[in-house]
Amino acid sequence: MRDDEILGQIRQLIDEQHRLRARLAAGELTSEEEQSRIRLLERSLDRCWDLLRQRRARRDVGDDPDHAAPRPAGEIEDYEY
């Protein structure tokens, strides 16, 4: 996955977060439904940002960014940036 593809996915996930919050404000879903989906979106966002950081770091040291790989959400959830 290229950097621009990862950034596109990040934008889509953020857009979905905004739509969920708007639906919650409009009373179209419960807070529990919104929070459940937001947690999943946040995990996906964490994985996208992590992959993008890996690619940039590899590129910075002259390595091939295509060797970066998505890591499991549990591996990066508690990581301090």
C-alpha atoms as a PDB file:
ATOM      1  CA  MET A   1       0.000   0.000   0.000  1.00  0.00           C
ATOM      2  CA  ARG A   2       1.433   3.384  -1.010  1.00  0.00           C
ATOM      3  CA  ASP A   3       1.504   6.461   1.241  1.00  0.00           C
ATOM      4  CA  ASP A   4      -1.263   8.178  -0.712  1.00  0.00           C
ATOM      5  CA  GLU A   5      -3.462   5.095  -0.385  1.00  0.00           C
ATOM      6  CA  ILE A   6      -2.886   4.996   3.366  1.00  0.00           C
ATOM      7  CA  LEU A   7      -3.696   8.712   3.645  1.00  0.00           C
ATOM      8  CA  GLY A   8      -6.863   8.139   1.603  1.00  0.00           C
ATOM      9  CA  GLN A   9      -7.908   5.385   3.978  1.00  0.00           C
ATOM     10  CA  ILE A  10      -7.211   7.669   6.949  1.00  0.00           C
ATOM     11  CA  ARG A  11      -9.439  10.358   5.416  1.00  0.00           C
ATOM     12  CA  GLN A  12     -12.229   7.823   4.873  1.00  0.00           C
ATOM     13  CA  LEU A  13     -12.035   6.645   8.469  1.00  0.00           C
ATOM     14  CA  ILE A  14     -12.111  10.211   9.788  1.00  0.00           C
ATOM     15  CA  ASP A  15     -15.077  11.014   7.545  1.00  0.00           C
ATOM     16  CA  GLU A  16     -16.891   7.997   8.967  1.00  0.00           C
ATOM     17  CA  GLN A  17     -16.179   9.216  12.504  1.00  0.00           C
ATOM     18  CA  HIS A  18     -17.738  12.568  11.632  1.00  0.00           C
ATOM     19  CA  ARG A  19     -20.794  10.880  10.101  1.00  0.00           C
ATOM     20  CA  LEU A  20     -21.245   8.732  13.208  1.00  0.00           C
ATOM     21  CA  ARG A  21     -21.088  11.762  15.478  1.00  0.00           C
ATOM     22  CA  ALA A  22     -23.619  13.577  13.294  1.00  0.00           C
ATOM     23  CA  ARG A  23     -25.941  10.550  13.400  1.00  0.00           C
ATOM     24  CA  LEU A  24     -25.611  10.434  17.185  1.00  0.00           C
ATOM     25  CA  ALA A  25     -26.447  14.137  17.432  1.00  0.00           C
ATOM     26  CA  ALA A  26     -29.472  13.575  15.182  1.00  0.00           C
ATOM     27  CA  GLY A  27     -30.661  10.717  17.396  1.00  0.00           C
ATOM     28  CA  GLU A  28     -30.201   8.123  14.650  1.00  0.00           C
ATOM     29  CA  LEU A  29     -28.120   5.795  16.834  1.00  0.00           C
ATOM     30  CA  THR A  30     -27.380   5.269  20.483  1.00  0.00           C
ATOM     31  CA  SER A  31     -24.273   6.399  22.269  1.00  0.00           C
ATOM     32  CA  GLU A  32     -23.295   2.753  22.782  1.00  0.00           C
ATOM     33  CA  GLU A  33     -23.575   2.034  19.048  1.00  0.00           C
ATOM     34  CA  GLU A  34     -21.550   5.115  18.217  1.00  0.00           C
ATOM     35  CA  GLN A  35     -18.851   4.317  20.799  1.00  0.00           C
ATOM     36  CA  SER A  36     -18.565   0.722  19.647  1.00  0.00           C
ATOM     37  CA  ARG A  37     -17.998   1.759  16.049  1.00  0.00           C
ATOM     38  CA  ILE A  38     -15.689   4.644  17.056  1.00  0.00           C
ATOM     39  CA  ARG A  39     -13.451   2.186  18.938  1.00  0.00           C
ATOM     40  CA  LEU A  40     -13.116   0.067  15.798  1.00  0.00           C
ATOM     41  CA  LEU A  41     -12.393   3.138  13.684  1.00  0.00           C
ATOM     42  CA  GLU A  42      -9.745   4.325  16.131  1.00  0.00           C
ATOM     43  CA  ARG A  43      -7.996   0.942  15.996  1.00  0.00           C
ATOM     44  CA  SER A  44      -8.000   1.101  12.212  1.00  0.00           C
ATOM     45  CA  LEU A  45      -6.668   4.660  12.310  1.00  0.00           C
ATOM     46  CA  ASP A  46      -3.893   3.634  14.712  1.00  0.00           C
ATOM     47  CA  ARG A  47      -2.851   0.851  12.335  1.00  0.00           C
ATOM     48  CA  CYS A  48      -2.885   3.205   9.318  1.00  0.00           C
ATOM     49  CA  TRP A  49      -0.817   5.859  11.079  1.00  0.00           C
ATOM     50  CA  ASP A  50       1.611   3.217  12.324  1.00  0.00           C
ATOM     51  CA  LEU A  51       2.076   1.825   8.804  1.00  0.00           C
ATOM     52  CA  LEU A  52       2.607   5.314   7.416  1.00  0.00           C
ATOM     53  CA  ARG A  53       5.221   6.033  10.118  1.00  0.00           C
ATOM     54  CA  GLN A  54       6.977   2.753   9.345  1.00  0.00           C
ATOM     55  CA  ARG A  55       7.094   3.590   5.635  1.00  0.00           C
ATOM     56  CA  ARG A  56       8.446   7.084   6.296  1.00  0.00           C
ATOM     57  CA  ALA A  57      11.067   5.781   8.725  1.00  0.00           C
ATOM     58  CA  ARG A  58      12.255   3.174   6.238  1.00  0.00           C
ATOM     59  CA  ARG A  59      12.447   5.787   3.511  1.00  0.00           C
ATOM     60  CA  ASP A  60      14.409   8.140   5.816  1.00  0.00           C
ATOM     61  CA  VAL A  61      17.127   5.527   6.353  1.00  0.00           C
ATOM     62  CA  GLY A  62      17.282   4.535   2.693  1.00  0.00           C
ATOM     63  CA  ASP A  63      15.305   1.329   3.087  1.00  0.00           C
ATOM     64  CA  ASP A  64      12.422   0.196   0.886  1.00  0.00           C
ATOM     65  CA  PRO A  65       9.128   1.513   2.343  1.00  0.00           C
ATOM     66  CA  ASP A  66       7.292  -1.378   0.695  1.00  0.00           C
ATOM     67  CA  HIS A  67       8.829  -3.706   3.289  1.00  0.00           C
ATOM     68  CA  ALA A  68       6.755  -2.024   5.996  1.00  0.00           C
ATOM     69  CA  ALA A  69       3.828  -4.146   7.105  1.00  0.00           C
ATOM     70  CA  PRO A  70       0.675  -3.475   9.100  1.00  0.00           C
ATOM     71  CA  ARG A  71       1.003  -4.632  12.677  1.00  0.00           C
ATOM     72  CA  PRO A  72      -1.800  -6.083  14.787  1.00  0.00           C
ATOM     73  CA  ALA A  73      -3.856  -3.457  16.601  1.00  0.00           C
ATOM     74  CA  GLY A  74      -2.984  -4.972  19.973  1.00  0.00           C
ATOM     75  CA  GLU A  75       0.698  -4.465  19.258  1.00  0.00           C
ATOM     76  CA  ILE A  76       0.369  -0.718  18.658  1.00  0.00           C
ATOM     77  CA  GLU A  77      -2.585   0.236  20.892  1.00  0.00           C
ATOM     78  CA  ASP A  78      -0.542   1.115  23.959  1.00  0.00           C
ATOM     79  CA  TYR A  79       2.474   2.392  22.068  1.00  0.00           C
ATOM     80  CA  GLU A  80       3.643   5.847  23.132  1.00  0.00           C
ATOM     81  CA  TYR A  81       4.436   8.091  20.151  1.00  0.00           C
END
